[in-house]
Amino acid sequence: MKPHPLRILIYSQSTATLALLSTMFDGFLVTCVSSMQDTEAHLESIDARHPLDFMILDDQSEIHVDNLARLLHSLKSIALQDTKIIHLYTPTTNNLSGHTPFQSSSRGVLKMTKPPRKARLLQTLAGLKNLSHRIDPHPATDVTKAMEDLMAAQRTLYGNVLIAEGLLLLIFSDRLL
């Protein structure tokens, strides 16, 4: 009955992504970790008086995400029983892991394509917490979201790729996308 800021655990190996997501979630209680071991240790040390609301995982590996989801559910902690997992990933046309795109083999994992956008992340958090406030005047249906994700995954990239400080810049002829 007493409102408190959401507690969010963010995992990414990229310090730039951690800084970006921390800024996006200003006002929330955010813990950032940059290794799987630190993520697992944090989950195992959660205090029951301070439940974890969300885990945001920035990792291309389906296996890492599935392992963390299994660990989360196996701990049987009251502080983790309502924790939702959001998996940020870059869509690719190669499906090397054997998983179907846009689906997770673990329950309770919501996949979201990168790059993360603040409005979309906040809307997703609100939706997962069953809050009805939406910013978008034209609410997208699940079918619309699935189609957008599918189109993003089917896109083929041509051109030069420059990766600097964890940011991906794609240069196509005279334009910077």
N, C-alpha and C. Protein backbone atom coordinates (compact mmCIF):
# COMPACT_ATOMS: atom_id res chain seq x y z
N MET A 1 0.81 -1.21 0.00
CA MET A 1 0.00 0.00 0.00
C MET A 1 0.85 1.27 0.00
N LYS A 2 2.13 1.13 0.27
CA LYS A 2 3.02 2.29 0.23
C LYS A 2 3.80 2.26 -1.08
N PRO A 3 3.60 3.28 -1.93
CA PRO A 3 4.32 3.28 -3.21
C PRO A 3 5.82 3.45 -3.00
N HIS A 4 6.57 2.79 -3.84
CA HIS A 4 8.02 2.90 -3.83
C HIS A 4 8.52 2.88 -5.27
N PRO A 5 9.69 3.46 -5.52
CA PRO A 5 10.21 3.42 -6.89
C PRO A 5 10.48 1.97 -7.29
N LEU A 6 10.31 1.70 -8.58
CA LEU A 6 10.60 0.35 -9.08
C LEU A 6 12.07 0.04 -8.92
N ARG A 7 12.36 -1.22 -8.60
CA ARG A 7 13.74 -1.70 -8.51
C ARG A 7 14.04 -2.46 -9.80
N ILE A 8 15.12 -2.04 -10.44
CA ILE A 8 15.48 -2.59 -11.74
C ILE A 8 16.94 -3.03 -11.71
N LEU A 9 17.18 -4.26 -12.14
CA LEU A 9 18.54 -4.76 -12.31
C LEU A 9 18.84 -4.76 -13.81
N ILE A 10 19.92 -4.08 -14.21
CA ILE A 10 20.29 -3.98 -15.61
C ILE A 10 21.62 -4.71 -15.81
N TYR A 11 21.63 -5.65 -16.76
CA TYR A 11 22.86 -6.35 -17.12
C TYR A 11 23.24 -6.01 -18.56
N SER A 12 24.48 -5.59 -18.73
CA SER A 12 25.05 -5.39 -20.06
C SER A 12 26.56 -5.40 -19.91
N GLN A 13 27.24 -5.93 -20.90
CA GLN A 13 28.70 -5.88 -20.89
C GLN A 13 29.20 -4.53 -21.39
N SER A 14 28.32 -3.73 -21.94
CA SER A 14 28.68 -2.43 -22.49
C SER A 14 28.45 -1.34 -21.44
N THR A 15 29.50 -0.60 -21.12
CA THR A 15 29.35 0.50 -20.16
C THR A 15 28.49 1.61 -20.76
N ALA A 16 28.55 1.79 -22.09
CA ALA A 16 27.71 2.81 -22.74
C ALA A 16 26.23 2.45 -22.60
N THR A 17 25.89 1.18 -22.78
CA THR A 17 24.50 0.75 -22.63
C THR A 17 24.04 0.90 -21.19
N LEU A 18 24.90 0.53 -20.25
CA LEU A 18 24.54 0.69 -18.83
C LEU A 18 24.28 2.16 -18.50
N ALA A 19 25.13 3.05 -19.01
CA ALA A 19 24.94 4.48 -18.76
C ALA A 19 23.65 4.98 -19.41
N LEU A 20 23.38 4.54 -20.64
CA LEU A 20 22.16 4.96 -21.34
C LEU A 20 20.92 4.51 -20.59
N LEU A 21 20.87 3.23 -20.21
CA LEU A 21 19.69 2.71 -19.51
C LEU A 21 19.54 3.32 -18.13
N SER A 22 20.64 3.56 -17.44
CA SER A 22 20.57 4.23 -16.13
C SER A 22 19.95 5.62 -16.26
N THR A 23 20.34 6.33 -17.31
CA THR A 23 19.78 7.66 -17.55
C THR A 23 18.30 7.57 -17.88
N MET A 24 17.92 6.57 -18.69
CA MET A 24 16.51 6.40 -19.05
C MET A 24 15.64 6.10 -17.83
N PHE A 25 16.21 5.40 -16.87
CA PHE A 25 15.44 5.01 -15.69
C PHE A 25 15.76 5.88 -14.48
N ASP A 26 16.12 7.13 -14.73
CA ASP A 26 16.36 8.08 -13.66
C ASP A 26 15.09 8.19 -12.81
N GLY A 27 15.22 8.09 -11.52
CA GLY A 27 14.07 8.13 -10.62
C GLY A 27 13.69 6.75 -10.10
N PHE A 28 14.17 5.71 -10.76
CA PHE A 28 13.96 4.34 -10.29
C PHE A 28 15.18 3.91 -9.48
N LEU A 29 15.06 2.83 -8.75
CA LEU A 29 16.20 2.27 -8.02
C LEU A 29 16.88 1.26 -8.95
N VAL A 30 17.98 1.68 -9.56
CA VAL A 30 18.65 0.91 -10.60
C VAL A 30 19.97 0.35 -10.08
N THR A 31 20.19 -0.93 -10.34
CA THR A 31 21.47 -1.57 -10.08
C THR A 31 22.01 -2.04 -11.42
N CYS A 32 23.24 -1.65 -11.74
CA CYS A 32 23.86 -2.04 -13.00
C CYS A 32 24.97 -3.06 -12.75
N VAL A 33 25.00 -4.10 -13.56
CA VAL A 33 26.05 -5.11 -13.48
C VAL A 33 26.55 -5.39 -14.89
N SER A 34 27.83 -5.77 -14.98
CA SER A 34 28.41 -5.97 -16.31
C SER A 34 28.91 -7.39 -16.53
N SER A 35 28.58 -8.32 -15.62
CA SER A 35 28.98 -9.71 -15.83
C SER A 35 27.85 -10.63 -15.37
N MET A 36 27.82 -11.80 -15.95
CA MET A 36 26.81 -12.80 -15.56
C MET A 36 27.00 -13.21 -14.09
N GLN A 37 28.24 -13.33 -13.66
CA GLN A 37 28.51 -13.72 -12.28
C GLN A 37 27.96 -12.68 -11.30
N ASP A 38 28.15 -11.39 -11.61
CA ASP A 38 27.60 -10.33 -10.75
C ASP A 38 26.08 -10.34 -10.75
N THR A 39 25.49 -10.64 -11.89
CA THR A 39 24.03 -10.71 -12.00
C THR A 39 23.50 -11.84 -11.13
N GLU A 40 24.12 -13.02 -11.23
CA GLU A 40 23.70 -14.16 -10.42
C GLU A 40 23.88 -13.88 -8.93
N ALA A 41 25.02 -13.28 -8.57
CA ALA A 41 25.28 -12.95 -7.17
C ALA A 41 24.25 -11.96 -6.63
N HIS A 42 23.88 -10.98 -7.44
CA HIS A 42 22.88 -10.00 -7.02
C HIS A 42 21.52 -10.68 -6.79
N LEU A 43 21.14 -11.57 -7.69
CA LEU A 43 19.86 -12.27 -7.54
C LEU A 43 19.84 -13.11 -6.27
N GLU A 44 20.95 -13.77 -6.00
CA GLU A 44 21.02 -14.64 -4.82
C GLU A 44 21.05 -13.85 -3.51
N SER A 45 21.42 -12.57 -3.57
CA SER A 45 21.53 -11.76 -2.34
C SER A 45 20.37 -10.79 -2.14
N ILE A 46 19.32 -10.90 -2.95
CA ILE A 46 18.17 -9.98 -2.84
C ILE A 46 17.52 -10.12 -1.47
N ASP A 47 17.27 -8.98 -0.85
CA ASP A 47 16.59 -8.93 0.44
C ASP A 47 15.07 -9.02 0.22
N ALA A 48 14.41 -9.88 0.96
CA ALA A 48 12.96 -10.09 0.79
C ALA A 48 12.16 -8.81 1.04
N ARG A 49 12.71 -7.87 1.79
CA ARG A 49 12.00 -6.62 2.07
C ARG A 49 12.05 -5.65 0.89
N HIS A 50 12.92 -5.92 -0.07
CA HIS A 50 13.09 -5.03 -1.22
C HIS A 50 12.99 -5.85 -2.50
N PRO A 51 11.77 -6.16 -2.94
CA PRO A 51 11.60 -7.00 -4.13
C PRO A 51 12.15 -6.34 -5.39
N LEU A 52 12.63 -7.19 -6.29
CA LEU A 52 13.13 -6.74 -7.59
C LEU A 52 11.97 -6.77 -8.58
N ASP A 53 11.68 -5.63 -9.20
CA ASP A 53 10.56 -5.55 -10.12
C ASP A 53 10.91 -6.03 -11.53
N PHE A 54 12.10 -5.62 -12.03
CA PHE A 54 12.47 -5.94 -13.40
C PHE A 54 13.96 -6.27 -13.51
N MET A 55 14.25 -7.17 -14.44
CA MET A 55 15.62 -7.42 -14.89
C MET A 55 15.65 -7.07 -16.37
N ILE A 56 16.57 -6.22 -16.75
CA ILE A 56 16.73 -5.87 -18.15
C ILE A 56 18.08 -6.41 -18.58
N LEU A 57 18.05 -7.33 -19.53
CA LEU A 57 19.25 -8.03 -19.97
C LEU A 57 19.60 -7.64 -21.39
N ASP A 58 20.79 -7.07 -21.56
CA ASP A 58 21.29 -6.71 -22.88
C ASP A 58 22.33 -7.76 -23.26
N ASP A 59 21.87 -8.80 -23.96
CA ASP A 59 22.75 -9.91 -24.31
C ASP A 59 22.21 -10.59 -25.56
N GLN A 60 23.07 -10.87 -26.52
CA GLN A 60 22.64 -11.58 -27.72
C GLN A 60 22.42 -13.07 -27.46
N SER A 61 22.97 -13.59 -26.39
CA SER A 61 22.92 -15.03 -26.14
C SER A 61 21.59 -15.44 -25.51
N GLU A 62 20.84 -16.24 -26.25
CA GLU A 62 19.58 -16.79 -25.72
C GLU A 62 19.88 -17.69 -24.52
N ILE A 63 21.00 -18.38 -24.57
CA ILE A 63 21.35 -19.31 -23.50
C ILE A 63 21.58 -18.57 -22.19
N HIS A 64 22.28 -17.43 -22.23
CA HIS A 64 22.50 -16.64 -21.01
C HIS A 64 21.17 -16.18 -20.41
N VAL A 65 20.29 -15.70 -21.26
CA VAL A 65 18.99 -15.21 -20.79
C VAL A 65 18.17 -16.36 -20.20
N ASP A 66 18.16 -17.50 -20.89
CA ASP A 66 17.42 -18.67 -20.40
C ASP A 66 17.99 -19.14 -19.06
N ASN A 67 19.32 -19.14 -18.93
CA ASN A 67 19.94 -19.56 -17.66
C ASN A 67 19.58 -18.62 -16.52
N LEU A 68 19.58 -17.33 -16.79
CA LEU A 68 19.20 -16.37 -15.75
C LEU A 68 17.72 -16.50 -15.38
N ALA A 69 16.87 -16.75 -16.36
CA ALA A 69 15.44 -16.94 -16.08
C ALA A 69 15.24 -18.19 -15.22
N ARG A 70 15.95 -19.26 -15.54
CA ARG A 70 15.84 -20.48 -14.72
C ARG A 70 16.34 -20.24 -13.30
N LEU A 71 17.46 -19.52 -13.18
CA LEU A 71 17.98 -19.20 -11.85
C LEU A 71 16.97 -18.37 -11.07
N LEU A 72 16.40 -17.37 -11.72
CA LEU A 72 15.41 -16.51 -11.07
C LEU A 72 14.26 -17.33 -10.50
N HIS A 73 13.74 -18.27 -11.29
CA HIS A 73 12.60 -19.07 -10.86
C HIS A 73 13.00 -20.15 -9.85
N SER A 74 14.24 -20.60 -9.90
CA SER A 74 14.68 -21.65 -8.98
C SER A 74 14.98 -21.13 -7.58
N LEU A 75 15.23 -19.84 -7.44
CA LEU A 75 15.59 -19.30 -6.13
C LEU A 75 14.40 -19.28 -5.17
N LYS A 76 13.19 -19.26 -5.67
CA LYS A 76 11.97 -19.31 -4.85
C LYS A 76 11.93 -18.21 -3.78
N SER A 77 12.56 -17.09 -4.06
CA SER A 77 12.56 -15.97 -3.13
C SER A 77 11.29 -15.16 -3.31
N ILE A 78 10.70 -14.74 -2.21
CA ILE A 78 9.49 -13.91 -2.28
C ILE A 78 9.80 -12.57 -2.95
N ALA A 79 11.05 -12.12 -2.85
CA ALA A 79 11.45 -10.85 -3.46
C ALA A 79 11.57 -10.96 -4.98
N LEU A 80 11.61 -12.18 -5.51
CA LEU A 80 11.78 -12.38 -6.94
C LEU A 80 10.55 -12.97 -7.62
N GLN A 81 9.49 -13.23 -6.84
CA GLN A 81 8.34 -13.93 -7.42
C GLN A 81 7.60 -13.13 -8.48
N ASP A 82 7.65 -11.82 -8.44
CA ASP A 82 6.96 -11.00 -9.45
C ASP A 82 7.93 -10.29 -10.39
N THR A 83 9.19 -10.70 -10.38
CA THR A 83 10.20 -10.07 -11.24
C THR A 83 9.96 -10.43 -12.70
N LYS A 84 9.94 -9.42 -13.54
CA LYS A 84 9.76 -9.59 -14.97
C LYS A 84 11.11 -9.40 -15.65
N ILE A 85 11.35 -10.17 -16.72
CA ILE A 85 12.62 -10.10 -17.44
C ILE A 85 12.37 -9.52 -18.83
N ILE A 86 13.16 -8.50 -19.17
CA ILE A 86 13.12 -7.92 -20.51
C ILE A 86 14.47 -8.19 -21.16
N HIS A 87 14.45 -8.87 -22.29
CA HIS A 87 15.66 -9.23 -23.02
C HIS A 87 15.82 -8.30 -24.21
N LEU A 88 16.82 -7.42 -24.14
CA LEU A 88 17.14 -6.53 -25.25
C LEU A 88 18.11 -7.26 -26.18
N TYR A 89 17.81 -7.26 -27.48
CA TYR A 89 18.69 -7.96 -28.42
C TYR A 89 18.64 -7.26 -29.77
N THR A 90 19.66 -7.52 -30.55
CA THR A 90 19.72 -7.01 -31.91
C THR A 90 19.17 -8.07 -32.84
N PRO A 91 18.13 -7.77 -33.61
CA PRO A 91 17.58 -8.78 -34.51
C PRO A 91 18.57 -9.07 -35.64
N THR A 92 18.70 -10.33 -35.96
CA THR A 92 19.55 -10.75 -37.07
C THR A 92 18.77 -11.74 -37.92
N THR A 93 19.21 -11.90 -39.14
CA THR A 93 18.54 -12.88 -40.00
C THR A 93 19.06 -14.27 -39.76
N ASN A 94 20.21 -14.38 -39.11
CA ASN A 94 20.74 -15.70 -38.76
C ASN A 94 20.14 -16.15 -37.45
N ASN A 95 19.74 -17.37 -37.40
CA ASN A 95 19.14 -17.91 -36.18
C ASN A 95 20.05 -19.03 -35.68
N LEU A 96 21.22 -18.65 -35.19
CA LEU A 96 22.23 -19.62 -34.83
C LEU A 96 21.91 -20.39 -33.56
N SER A 97 21.13 -19.81 -32.67
CA SER A 97 20.88 -20.46 -31.38
C SER A 97 19.81 -21.53 -31.46
N GLY A 98 19.05 -21.59 -32.52
CA GLY A 98 18.00 -22.58 -32.64
C GLY A 98 16.68 -22.11 -32.07
N HIS A 99 16.62 -20.92 -31.50
CA HIS A 99 15.38 -20.37 -30.96
C HIS A 99 14.60 -19.68 -32.07
N THR A 100 13.29 -19.72 -31.96
CA THR A 100 12.45 -19.00 -32.89
C THR A 100 12.57 -17.52 -32.59
N PRO A 101 12.76 -16.66 -33.61
CA PRO A 101 12.86 -15.23 -33.34
C PRO A 101 11.63 -14.70 -32.61
N PHE A 102 11.84 -13.75 -31.72
CA PHE A 102 10.81 -13.04 -30.97
C PHE A 102 10.09 -13.92 -29.96
N GLN A 103 10.60 -15.09 -29.69
CA GLN A 103 10.04 -15.94 -28.65
C GLN A 103 11.18 -16.40 -27.78
N SER A 104 10.86 -16.68 -26.53
CA SER A 104 11.87 -17.19 -25.63
C SER A 104 11.42 -18.55 -25.15
N SER A 105 12.39 -19.41 -24.91
CA SER A 105 12.04 -20.73 -24.42
C SER A 105 11.76 -20.70 -22.91
N SER A 106 12.09 -19.61 -22.25
CA SER A 106 11.84 -19.48 -20.81
C SER A 106 10.59 -18.66 -20.57
N ARG A 107 9.83 -19.07 -19.58
CA ARG A 107 8.62 -18.32 -19.24
C ARG A 107 9.01 -17.00 -18.58
N GLY A 108 8.18 -16.03 -18.82
CA GLY A 108 8.38 -14.73 -18.17
C GLY A 108 9.43 -13.85 -18.80
N VAL A 109 9.93 -14.19 -19.99
CA VAL A 109 10.93 -13.36 -20.65
C VAL A 109 10.28 -12.65 -21.83
N LEU A 110 10.32 -11.32 -21.79
CA LEU A 110 9.80 -10.51 -22.88
C LEU A 110 10.98 -10.03 -23.71
N LYS A 111 10.94 -10.33 -25.00
CA LYS A 111 12.02 -9.91 -25.89
C LYS A 111 11.69 -8.56 -26.50
N MET A 112 12.71 -7.68 -26.55
CA MET A 112 12.53 -6.36 -27.12
C MET A 112 13.75 -6.05 -27.98
N THR A 113 13.48 -5.60 -29.21
CA THR A 113 14.58 -5.29 -30.11
C THR A 113 15.29 -4.01 -29.69
N LYS A 114 16.58 -3.95 -30.03
CA LYS A 114 17.37 -2.77 -29.78
C LYS A 114 17.32 -1.89 -31.03
N PRO A 115 17.53 -0.64 -30.95
CA PRO A 115 17.95 0.11 -29.78
C PRO A 115 16.77 0.41 -28.85
N PRO A 116 17.04 0.46 -27.55
CA PRO A 116 15.96 0.77 -26.62
C PRO A 116 15.54 2.23 -26.73
N ARG A 117 14.27 2.46 -26.64
CA ARG A 117 13.71 3.82 -26.64
C ARG A 117 13.01 4.02 -25.30
N LYS A 118 13.22 5.17 -24.71
CA LYS A 118 12.71 5.43 -23.37
C LYS A 118 11.19 5.26 -23.30
N ALA A 119 10.46 5.86 -24.22
CA ALA A 119 9.00 5.78 -24.18
C ALA A 119 8.54 4.33 -24.30
N ARG A 120 9.16 3.57 -25.21
CA ARG A 120 8.76 2.17 -25.39
C ARG A 120 9.09 1.34 -24.15
N LEU A 121 10.26 1.58 -23.55
CA LEU A 121 10.62 0.85 -22.33
C LEU A 121 9.66 1.17 -21.19
N LEU A 122 9.35 2.46 -21.01
CA LEU A 122 8.45 2.84 -19.92
C LEU A 122 7.04 2.29 -20.16
N GLN A 123 6.59 2.29 -21.41
CA GLN A 123 5.29 1.71 -21.72
C GLN A 123 5.29 0.21 -21.44
N THR A 124 6.38 -0.45 -21.76
CA THR A 124 6.49 -1.89 -21.51
C THR A 124 6.47 -2.18 -20.01
N LEU A 125 7.22 -1.39 -19.24
CA LEU A 125 7.22 -1.58 -17.79
C LEU A 125 5.82 -1.37 -17.22
N ALA A 126 5.14 -0.32 -17.68
CA ALA A 126 3.79 -0.05 -17.22
C ALA A 126 2.85 -1.19 -17.59
N GLY A 127 2.98 -1.69 -18.80
CA GLY A 127 2.14 -2.80 -19.23
C GLY A 127 2.38 -4.06 -18.41
N LEU A 128 3.64 -4.34 -18.10
CA LEU A 128 3.96 -5.53 -17.30
C LEU A 128 3.50 -5.39 -15.85
N LYS A 129 3.35 -4.14 -15.40
CA LYS A 129 2.84 -3.89 -14.05
C LYS A 129 1.33 -3.67 -14.05
N ASN A 130 0.70 -3.88 -15.22
CA ASN A 130 -0.75 -3.73 -15.40
C ASN A 130 -1.23 -2.31 -15.13
N LEU A 131 -0.45 -1.34 -15.54
CA LEU A 131 -0.87 0.06 -15.46
C LEU A 131 -1.45 0.44 -16.81
N SER A 132 -2.52 1.16 -16.83
CA SER A 132 -3.23 1.42 -18.08
C SER A 132 -2.80 2.69 -18.79
N HIS A 133 -1.90 3.48 -18.24
CA HIS A 133 -1.54 4.75 -18.86
C HIS A 133 -0.63 4.50 -20.06
N ARG A 134 -1.03 5.07 -21.21
CA ARG A 134 -0.25 4.94 -22.44
C ARG A 134 0.05 6.33 -22.97
N ILE A 135 1.21 6.47 -23.54
CA ILE A 135 1.59 7.74 -24.15
C ILE A 135 1.10 7.80 -25.59
N ASP A 136 1.13 6.69 -26.27
CA ASP A 136 0.79 6.61 -27.69
C ASP A 136 -0.72 6.79 -27.88
N PRO A 137 -1.17 7.78 -28.68
CA PRO A 137 -2.59 7.96 -28.89
C PRO A 137 -3.19 6.85 -29.76
N HIS A 138 -2.35 6.13 -30.51
CA HIS A 138 -2.81 5.01 -31.33
C HIS A 138 -2.18 3.74 -30.78
N PRO A 139 -2.82 3.10 -29.81
CA PRO A 139 -2.19 1.95 -29.19
C PRO A 139 -1.92 0.84 -30.21
N ALA A 140 -0.71 0.31 -30.15
CA ALA A 140 -0.32 -0.77 -31.06
C ALA A 140 -0.83 -2.09 -30.51
N THR A 141 -1.31 -2.91 -31.40
CA THR A 141 -1.77 -4.23 -30.99
C THR A 141 -0.58 -5.17 -30.96
N ASP A 142 -0.78 -6.34 -30.37
CA ASP A 142 0.28 -7.35 -30.34
C ASP A 142 0.67 -7.76 -31.74
N VAL A 143 -0.29 -7.78 -32.64
CA VAL A 143 -0.02 -8.15 -34.03
C VAL A 143 0.87 -7.09 -34.67
N THR A 144 0.57 -5.81 -34.43
CA THR A 144 1.37 -4.72 -34.99
C THR A 144 2.80 -4.79 -34.47
N LYS A 145 2.96 -5.00 -33.17
CA LYS A 145 4.30 -5.10 -32.59
C LYS A 145 5.05 -6.28 -33.17
N ALA A 146 4.40 -7.40 -33.33
CA ALA A 146 5.04 -8.59 -33.89
C ALA A 146 5.47 -8.34 -35.33
N MET A 147 4.62 -7.66 -36.10
CA MET A 147 4.97 -7.36 -37.49
C MET A 147 6.16 -6.40 -37.56
N GLU A 148 6.21 -5.39 -36.68
CA GLU A 148 7.35 -4.47 -36.66
C GLU A 148 8.62 -5.21 -36.32
N ASP A 149 8.57 -6.10 -35.33
CA ASP A 149 9.74 -6.88 -34.95
C ASP A 149 10.17 -7.81 -36.08
N LEU A 150 9.22 -8.41 -36.76
CA LEU A 150 9.53 -9.30 -37.87
C LEU A 150 10.20 -8.53 -39.01
N MET A 151 9.67 -7.35 -39.33
CA MET A 151 10.27 -6.53 -40.39
C MET A 151 11.69 -6.11 -40.01
N ALA A 152 11.91 -5.79 -38.74
CA ALA A 152 13.25 -5.40 -38.29
C ALA A 152 14.22 -6.57 -38.43
N ALA A 153 13.78 -7.77 -38.15
CA ALA A 153 14.64 -8.94 -38.23
C ALA A 153 14.94 -9.33 -39.67
N GLN A 154 14.02 -9.07 -40.58
CA GLN A 154 14.21 -9.45 -41.97
C GLN A 154 15.01 -8.44 -42.77
N ARG A 155 15.24 -7.28 -42.16
CA ARG A 155 16.00 -6.25 -42.84
C ARG A 155 17.43 -6.75 -43.09
N THR A 156 17.92 -6.55 -44.28
CA THR A 156 19.30 -6.91 -44.59
C THR A 156 20.10 -5.63 -44.68
N LEU A 157 21.24 -5.61 -44.02
CA LEU A 157 22.06 -4.41 -43.97
C LEU A 157 23.18 -4.49 -44.99
N TYR A 158 23.40 -3.41 -45.72
CA TYR A 158 24.50 -3.29 -46.66
C TYR A 158 25.24 -2.01 -46.33
N GLY A 159 26.53 -2.03 -46.39
CA GLY A 159 27.29 -0.82 -46.14
C GLY A 159 28.40 -1.08 -45.15
N ASN A 160 28.99 0.00 -44.66
CA ASN A 160 30.07 -0.10 -43.69
C ASN A 160 29.52 -0.03 -42.29
N VAL A 161 30.11 -0.79 -41.39
CA VAL A 161 29.68 -0.80 -40.00
C VAL A 161 30.84 -0.31 -39.16
N LEU A 162 30.57 0.66 -38.30
CA LEU A 162 31.57 1.20 -37.41
C LEU A 162 31.07 1.02 -35.98
N ILE A 163 31.85 0.35 -35.15
CA ILE A 163 31.46 0.15 -33.76
C ILE A 163 32.46 0.92 -32.90
N ALA A 164 31.95 1.85 -32.09
CA ALA A 164 32.81 2.67 -31.23
C ALA A 164 32.15 2.84 -29.88
N GLU A 165 32.85 2.49 -28.82
CA GLU A 165 32.35 2.66 -27.46
C GLU A 165 30.99 1.99 -27.26
N GLY A 166 30.79 0.83 -27.85
CA GLY A 166 29.55 0.09 -27.65
C GLY A 166 28.38 0.62 -28.48
N LEU A 167 28.59 1.62 -29.31
CA LEU A 167 27.52 2.15 -30.14
C LEU A 167 27.72 1.65 -31.56
N LEU A 168 26.66 1.38 -32.24
CA LEU A 168 26.71 0.86 -33.60
C LEU A 168 26.27 1.96 -34.56
N LEU A 169 27.15 2.33 -35.47
CA LEU A 169 26.82 3.33 -36.48
C LEU A 169 26.83 2.66 -37.84
N LEU A 170 25.77 2.81 -38.57
CA LEU A 170 25.67 2.23 -39.90
C LEU A 170 25.72 3.36 -40.91
N ILE A 171 26.64 3.27 -41.85
CA ILE A 171 26.81 4.32 -42.83
C ILE A 171 26.40 3.78 -44.18
N PHE A 172 25.38 4.40 -44.78
CA PHE A 172 24.89 4.02 -46.10
C PHE A 172 25.06 5.22 -47.02
N SER A 173 25.89 5.12 -47.99
CA SER A 173 26.19 6.17 -48.95
C SER A 173 26.41 7.49 -48.23
N ASP A 174 25.53 8.49 -48.43
CA ASP A 174 25.71 9.80 -47.82
C ASP A 174 24.95 9.96 -46.52
N ARG A 175 24.21 8.93 -46.11
CA ARG A 175 23.35 9.08 -44.95
C ARG A 175 23.90 8.31 -43.77
N LEU A 176 23.66 8.82 -42.60
CA LEU A 176 24.00 8.14 -41.33
C LEU A 176 22.70 7.72 -40.69
N LEU A 177 22.50 6.42 -40.51
CA LEU A 177 21.27 5.91 -39.92
C LEU A 177 21.50 5.57 -38.48
